């Protein structure tokens, strides 16, 4: 066994080397890239949208207090849309993962199980 700094005694287990082998495969790299291509843009979108809301609330209270109808103002509407966008992005991710990500991950997992990892 080779030295491994993260393990007591510095030894690598068979499983750790198998996981590293799987991580080095083109299939795993494609899986990781697909995940990043979906998650990073949506994360950036949500963070920009969230901080825009926070900044407007902090520095543009007059704008946020603009009455839309009855006691509903723009700040209340945008705050509610924060929740809607959170659930919407979550639903998009679940649909995408079920269709695109999970089947590919299942193939990799099945290969690892056949290899006895």
N, C-alpha and C. Protein backbone atom coordinates (compact mmCIF):
# COMPACT_ATOMS: atom_id res chain seq x y z
N UNK A 1 0.84 -1.19 0.00
CA UNK A 1 0.00 0.00 0.00
C UNK A 1 0.88 1.24 0.00
N UNK A 2 0.38 2.27 -0.65
CA UNK A 2 1.13 3.51 -0.73
C UNK A 2 0.72 4.43 0.40
N UNK A 3 1.56 5.41 0.67
CA UNK A 3 1.28 6.38 1.74
C UNK A 3 0.13 7.29 1.34
N UNK A 4 -0.72 7.58 2.30
CA UNK A 4 -1.84 8.48 2.08
C UNK A 4 -1.95 9.40 3.29
N UNK A 5 -1.78 10.71 3.09
CA UNK A 5 -1.73 11.63 4.24
C UNK A 5 -3.04 11.78 4.99
N UNK A 6 -4.17 11.44 4.37
CA UNK A 6 -5.46 11.63 5.04
C UNK A 6 -5.87 10.44 5.90
N UNK A 7 -5.12 9.39 5.92
CA UNK A 7 -5.49 8.19 6.66
C UNK A 7 -4.52 7.96 7.82
N UNK A 8 -5.04 7.44 8.92
CA UNK A 8 -4.13 7.10 10.03
C UNK A 8 -3.09 6.10 9.55
N UNK A 9 -1.87 6.36 9.85
CA UNK A 9 -0.78 5.49 9.40
C UNK A 9 -0.37 5.75 7.97
N UNK A 10 -1.10 6.63 7.27
CA UNK A 10 -0.72 7.00 5.92
C UNK A 10 -1.04 5.96 4.87
N UNK A 11 -1.86 4.95 5.15
CA UNK A 11 -2.12 3.91 4.16
C UNK A 11 -3.40 4.19 3.38
N UNK A 12 -3.44 3.72 2.14
CA UNK A 12 -4.62 3.84 1.31
C UNK A 12 -5.39 2.54 1.37
N UNK A 13 -6.69 2.67 1.38
CA UNK A 13 -7.51 1.47 1.32
C UNK A 13 -7.78 1.15 -0.14
N UNK A 14 -8.21 -0.07 -0.38
CA UNK A 14 -8.54 -0.48 -1.73
C UNK A 14 -9.65 0.39 -2.30
N UNK A 15 -10.65 0.71 -1.43
CA UNK A 15 -11.77 1.52 -1.87
C UNK A 15 -11.34 2.92 -2.30
N UNK A 16 -10.43 3.52 -1.55
CA UNK A 16 -10.01 4.88 -1.90
C UNK A 16 -9.31 4.90 -3.25
N UNK A 17 -8.50 3.90 -3.55
CA UNK A 17 -7.84 3.88 -4.85
C UNK A 17 -8.84 3.59 -5.96
N UNK A 18 -9.88 2.79 -5.68
CA UNK A 18 -10.92 2.52 -6.67
C UNK A 18 -11.72 3.79 -6.95
N UNK A 19 -12.06 4.54 -5.90
CA UNK A 19 -12.78 5.79 -6.10
C UNK A 19 -11.94 6.79 -6.90
N UNK A 20 -10.67 6.84 -6.63
CA UNK A 20 -9.79 7.73 -7.39
C UNK A 20 -9.72 7.29 -8.85
N UNK A 21 -9.71 5.98 -9.09
CA UNK A 21 -9.69 5.48 -10.46
C UNK A 21 -10.98 5.89 -11.18
N UNK A 22 -12.12 5.76 -10.50
CA UNK A 22 -13.40 6.15 -11.10
C UNK A 22 -13.42 7.65 -11.37
N UNK A 23 -12.92 8.45 -10.44
CA UNK A 23 -12.90 9.89 -10.63
C UNK A 23 -12.04 10.30 -11.82
N UNK A 24 -11.10 9.47 -12.20
CA UNK A 24 -10.21 9.79 -13.32
C UNK A 24 -10.79 9.36 -14.67
N UNK A 25 -11.96 8.69 -14.68
CA UNK A 25 -12.53 8.22 -15.94
C UNK A 25 -13.21 9.35 -16.70
N UNK A 26 -13.28 9.23 -18.02
CA UNK A 26 -13.98 10.24 -18.81
C UNK A 26 -15.47 10.34 -18.46
N UNK A 27 -16.09 9.21 -18.09
CA UNK A 27 -17.51 9.23 -17.74
C UNK A 27 -17.75 10.09 -16.50
N UNK A 28 -16.87 9.97 -15.50
CA UNK A 28 -17.02 10.76 -14.28
C UNK A 28 -16.75 12.23 -14.58
N UNK A 29 -15.74 12.50 -15.40
CA UNK A 29 -15.43 13.89 -15.76
C UNK A 29 -16.62 14.52 -16.49
N UNK A 30 -17.26 13.76 -17.38
CA UNK A 30 -18.44 14.27 -18.09
C UNK A 30 -19.58 14.53 -17.12
N UNK A 31 -19.77 13.62 -16.17
CA UNK A 31 -20.82 13.79 -15.16
C UNK A 31 -20.59 15.05 -14.35
N UNK A 32 -19.36 15.24 -13.90
CA UNK A 32 -19.01 16.43 -13.12
C UNK A 32 -19.21 17.70 -13.95
N UNK A 33 -18.81 17.68 -15.24
CA UNK A 33 -18.97 18.85 -16.10
C UNK A 33 -20.43 19.17 -16.35
N UNK A 34 -21.25 18.15 -16.56
CA UNK A 34 -22.68 18.38 -16.77
C UNK A 34 -23.30 19.01 -15.52
N UNK A 35 -22.90 18.50 -14.35
CA UNK A 35 -23.40 19.05 -13.10
C UNK A 35 -23.03 20.52 -12.97
N UNK A 36 -21.77 20.82 -13.22
CA UNK A 36 -21.31 22.21 -13.10
C UNK A 36 -22.00 23.13 -14.10
N UNK A 37 -22.20 22.65 -15.33
CA UNK A 37 -22.84 23.48 -16.35
C UNK A 37 -24.28 23.80 -16.00
N UNK A 38 -24.93 22.93 -15.23
CA UNK A 38 -26.29 23.23 -14.82
C UNK A 38 -26.31 24.06 -13.54
N UNK A 39 -25.55 23.66 -12.55
CA UNK A 39 -25.65 24.26 -11.22
C UNK A 39 -25.02 25.64 -11.14
N UNK A 40 -23.85 25.85 -11.71
CA UNK A 40 -23.18 27.14 -11.56
C UNK A 40 -23.99 28.31 -12.13
N UNK A 41 -24.51 28.22 -13.36
CA UNK A 41 -25.28 29.37 -13.87
C UNK A 41 -26.52 29.67 -13.02
N UNK A 42 -27.23 28.61 -12.57
CA UNK A 42 -28.41 28.84 -11.75
C UNK A 42 -28.04 29.40 -10.38
N UNK A 43 -26.91 28.98 -9.84
CA UNK A 43 -26.45 29.52 -8.56
C UNK A 43 -26.10 31.00 -8.71
N UNK A 44 -25.38 31.33 -9.76
CA UNK A 44 -25.03 32.73 -10.00
C UNK A 44 -26.28 33.57 -10.21
N UNK A 45 -27.21 33.07 -11.02
CA UNK A 45 -28.47 33.79 -11.24
C UNK A 45 -29.17 34.07 -9.91
N UNK A 46 -29.30 33.03 -9.07
CA UNK A 46 -30.03 33.22 -7.83
C UNK A 46 -29.31 34.18 -6.90
N UNK A 47 -27.99 34.06 -6.79
CA UNK A 47 -27.25 34.97 -5.90
C UNK A 47 -27.35 36.42 -6.35
N UNK A 48 -27.28 36.65 -7.66
CA UNK A 48 -27.42 38.02 -8.17
C UNK A 48 -28.83 38.53 -7.86
N UNK A 49 -29.82 37.71 -8.12
CA UNK A 49 -31.21 38.07 -7.85
C UNK A 49 -31.41 38.34 -6.36
N UNK A 50 -30.86 37.48 -5.49
CA UNK A 50 -31.01 37.65 -4.04
C UNK A 50 -30.33 38.94 -3.56
N UNK A 51 -29.07 39.15 -3.98
CA UNK A 51 -28.36 40.35 -3.51
C UNK A 51 -28.96 41.63 -4.10
N UNK A 52 -29.52 41.55 -5.29
CA UNK A 52 -30.22 42.70 -5.84
C UNK A 52 -31.40 43.08 -4.93
N UNK A 53 -32.13 42.07 -4.50
CA UNK A 53 -33.26 42.31 -3.59
C UNK A 53 -32.77 42.94 -2.28
N UNK A 54 -31.71 42.38 -1.70
CA UNK A 54 -31.18 42.90 -0.44
C UNK A 54 -30.68 44.33 -0.61
N UNK A 55 -29.96 44.59 -1.69
CA UNK A 55 -29.44 45.94 -1.92
C UNK A 55 -30.56 46.94 -2.16
N UNK A 56 -31.58 46.54 -2.90
CA UNK A 56 -32.72 47.43 -3.10
C UNK A 56 -33.42 47.73 -1.78
N UNK A 57 -33.58 46.70 -0.96
CA UNK A 57 -34.22 46.90 0.34
C UNK A 57 -33.40 47.83 1.22
N UNK A 58 -32.08 47.73 1.14
CA UNK A 58 -31.22 48.53 2.01
C UNK A 58 -31.04 49.96 1.49
N UNK A 59 -30.90 50.11 0.17
CA UNK A 59 -30.51 51.41 -0.37
C UNK A 59 -31.57 52.11 -1.21
N UNK A 60 -32.68 51.43 -1.46
CA UNK A 60 -33.75 52.07 -2.23
C UNK A 60 -35.11 51.82 -1.57
N UNK A 61 -35.23 52.23 -0.31
CA UNK A 61 -36.50 51.95 0.38
C UNK A 61 -37.69 52.65 -0.27
N UNK A 62 -37.46 53.80 -0.86
CA UNK A 62 -38.55 54.50 -1.54
C UNK A 62 -39.06 53.69 -2.73
N UNK A 63 -38.15 53.12 -3.48
CA UNK A 63 -38.53 52.29 -4.62
C UNK A 63 -39.26 51.03 -4.15
N UNK A 64 -38.73 50.39 -3.11
CA UNK A 64 -39.32 49.16 -2.61
C UNK A 64 -40.70 49.39 -1.98
N UNK A 65 -40.94 50.61 -1.50
CA UNK A 65 -42.23 50.89 -0.87
C UNK A 65 -43.28 51.37 -1.87
N UNK A 66 -42.95 51.32 -3.16
CA UNK A 66 -43.91 51.71 -4.19
C UNK A 66 -45.14 50.80 -4.11
N UNK A 67 -46.30 51.42 -3.89
CA UNK A 67 -47.56 50.65 -3.77
C UNK A 67 -47.95 50.12 -5.13
N UNK A 68 -48.31 48.84 -5.16
CA UNK A 68 -48.79 48.23 -6.40
C UNK A 68 -50.31 48.16 -6.39
N UNK A 69 -50.87 47.61 -5.31
CA UNK A 69 -52.32 47.57 -5.13
C UNK A 69 -52.61 47.26 -3.67
N UNK A 70 -53.57 47.91 -3.11
CA UNK A 70 -53.91 47.73 -1.70
C UNK A 70 -52.69 47.99 -0.82
N UNK A 71 -52.41 47.05 0.09
CA UNK A 71 -51.24 47.16 0.97
C UNK A 71 -50.02 46.43 0.41
N UNK A 72 -50.09 46.01 -0.82
CA UNK A 72 -48.99 45.27 -1.45
C UNK A 72 -48.07 46.27 -2.13
N UNK A 73 -46.80 46.25 -1.70
CA UNK A 73 -45.81 47.13 -2.33
C UNK A 73 -44.79 46.29 -3.10
N UNK A 74 -43.91 46.95 -3.80
CA UNK A 74 -42.92 46.28 -4.64
C UNK A 74 -41.98 45.40 -3.82
N UNK A 75 -41.59 45.85 -2.63
CA UNK A 75 -40.71 45.05 -1.77
C UNK A 75 -41.35 43.74 -1.36
N UNK A 76 -42.64 43.79 -1.02
CA UNK A 76 -43.37 42.57 -0.65
C UNK A 76 -43.44 41.61 -1.83
N UNK A 77 -43.74 42.13 -3.01
CA UNK A 77 -43.83 41.30 -4.21
C UNK A 77 -42.48 40.66 -4.53
N UNK A 78 -41.41 41.46 -4.52
CA UNK A 78 -40.08 40.92 -4.82
C UNK A 78 -39.63 39.91 -3.76
N UNK A 79 -39.98 40.17 -2.50
CA UNK A 79 -39.66 39.21 -1.44
C UNK A 79 -40.37 37.89 -1.65
N UNK A 80 -41.63 37.95 -2.04
CA UNK A 80 -42.37 36.72 -2.34
C UNK A 80 -41.79 35.99 -3.53
N UNK A 81 -41.34 36.75 -4.53
CA UNK A 81 -40.72 36.12 -5.70
C UNK A 81 -39.40 35.42 -5.35
N UNK A 82 -38.76 35.83 -4.26
CA UNK A 82 -37.57 35.11 -3.80
C UNK A 82 -37.93 33.66 -3.48
N UNK A 83 -39.03 33.46 -2.78
CA UNK A 83 -39.48 32.11 -2.45
C UNK A 83 -39.88 31.34 -3.70
N UNK A 84 -40.61 32.01 -4.58
CA UNK A 84 -41.06 31.36 -5.82
C UNK A 84 -39.86 30.93 -6.64
N UNK A 85 -38.85 31.79 -6.76
CA UNK A 85 -37.67 31.43 -7.57
C UNK A 85 -36.88 30.30 -6.91
N UNK A 86 -36.82 30.27 -5.59
CA UNK A 86 -36.13 29.18 -4.89
C UNK A 86 -36.80 27.85 -5.21
N UNK A 87 -38.11 27.79 -5.07
CA UNK A 87 -38.83 26.55 -5.37
C UNK A 87 -38.75 26.21 -6.86
N UNK A 88 -38.84 27.22 -7.71
CA UNK A 88 -38.75 26.98 -9.15
C UNK A 88 -37.42 26.40 -9.56
N UNK A 89 -36.34 26.96 -9.04
CA UNK A 89 -35.00 26.44 -9.37
C UNK A 89 -34.84 25.03 -8.83
N UNK A 90 -35.38 24.78 -7.64
CA UNK A 90 -35.32 23.43 -7.07
C UNK A 90 -36.06 22.44 -7.95
N UNK A 91 -37.24 22.82 -8.41
CA UNK A 91 -38.01 21.93 -9.28
C UNK A 91 -37.29 21.69 -10.60
N UNK A 92 -36.68 22.73 -11.16
CA UNK A 92 -35.89 22.56 -12.39
C UNK A 92 -34.74 21.59 -12.17
N UNK A 93 -34.05 21.74 -11.03
CA UNK A 93 -32.92 20.86 -10.74
C UNK A 93 -33.37 19.41 -10.60
N UNK A 94 -34.45 19.19 -9.88
CA UNK A 94 -34.93 17.82 -9.68
C UNK A 94 -35.29 17.18 -11.03
N UNK A 95 -35.99 17.93 -11.87
CA UNK A 95 -36.33 17.41 -13.21
C UNK A 95 -35.09 17.12 -14.02
N UNK A 96 -34.14 18.07 -14.02
CA UNK A 96 -32.91 17.89 -14.79
C UNK A 96 -32.12 16.71 -14.26
N UNK A 97 -31.98 16.61 -12.95
CA UNK A 97 -31.20 15.51 -12.36
C UNK A 97 -31.83 14.16 -12.67
N UNK A 98 -33.14 14.06 -12.60
CA UNK A 98 -33.82 12.80 -12.90
C UNK A 98 -33.64 12.39 -14.36
N UNK A 99 -33.61 13.36 -15.24
CA UNK A 99 -33.51 13.09 -16.68
C UNK A 99 -32.07 12.95 -17.16
N UNK A 100 -31.17 13.81 -16.70
CA UNK A 100 -29.82 13.88 -17.25
C UNK A 100 -28.73 13.33 -16.34
N UNK A 101 -28.79 13.67 -15.07
CA UNK A 101 -27.67 13.39 -14.16
C UNK A 101 -27.75 12.00 -13.55
N UNK A 102 -28.89 11.67 -12.96
CA UNK A 102 -29.02 10.40 -12.23
C UNK A 102 -28.77 9.16 -13.09
N UNK A 103 -29.29 9.10 -14.33
CA UNK A 103 -29.00 7.90 -15.13
C UNK A 103 -27.51 7.69 -15.38
N UNK A 104 -26.78 8.77 -15.61
CA UNK A 104 -25.33 8.65 -15.82
C UNK A 104 -24.62 8.25 -14.52
N UNK A 105 -25.06 8.81 -13.42
CA UNK A 105 -24.47 8.45 -12.13
C UNK A 105 -24.77 6.99 -11.80
N UNK A 106 -25.96 6.52 -12.16
CA UNK A 106 -26.31 5.12 -11.92
C UNK A 106 -25.40 4.17 -12.70
N UNK A 107 -25.06 4.54 -13.92
CA UNK A 107 -24.15 3.71 -14.73
C UNK A 107 -22.79 3.61 -14.05
N UNK A 108 -22.28 4.72 -13.59
CA UNK A 108 -20.98 4.73 -12.90
C UNK A 108 -21.05 3.90 -11.62
N UNK A 109 -22.12 4.07 -10.84
CA UNK A 109 -22.28 3.30 -9.62
C UNK A 109 -22.37 1.81 -9.92
N UNK A 110 -23.13 1.43 -10.95
CA UNK A 110 -23.25 0.02 -11.32
C UNK A 110 -21.90 -0.57 -11.71
N UNK A 111 -21.10 0.19 -12.45
CA UNK A 111 -19.77 -0.28 -12.82
C UNK A 111 -18.90 -0.48 -11.60
N UNK A 112 -19.00 0.42 -10.64
CA UNK A 112 -18.22 0.28 -9.40
C UNK A 112 -18.67 -0.95 -8.61
N UNK A 113 -19.97 -1.15 -8.54
CA UNK A 113 -20.47 -2.32 -7.80
C UNK A 113 -20.05 -3.63 -8.47
N UNK A 114 -20.06 -3.66 -9.80
CA UNK A 114 -19.60 -4.86 -10.51
C UNK A 114 -18.12 -5.12 -10.26
N UNK A 115 -17.37 -4.02 -10.08
CA UNK A 115 -15.93 -4.15 -9.83
C UNK A 115 -15.66 -4.53 -8.37
N UNK A 116 -16.72 -4.54 -7.55
CA UNK A 116 -16.57 -4.95 -6.16
C UNK A 116 -16.17 -3.85 -5.21
N UNK A 117 -16.43 -2.61 -5.58
CA UNK A 117 -16.09 -1.48 -4.70
C UNK A 117 -17.25 -1.20 -3.79
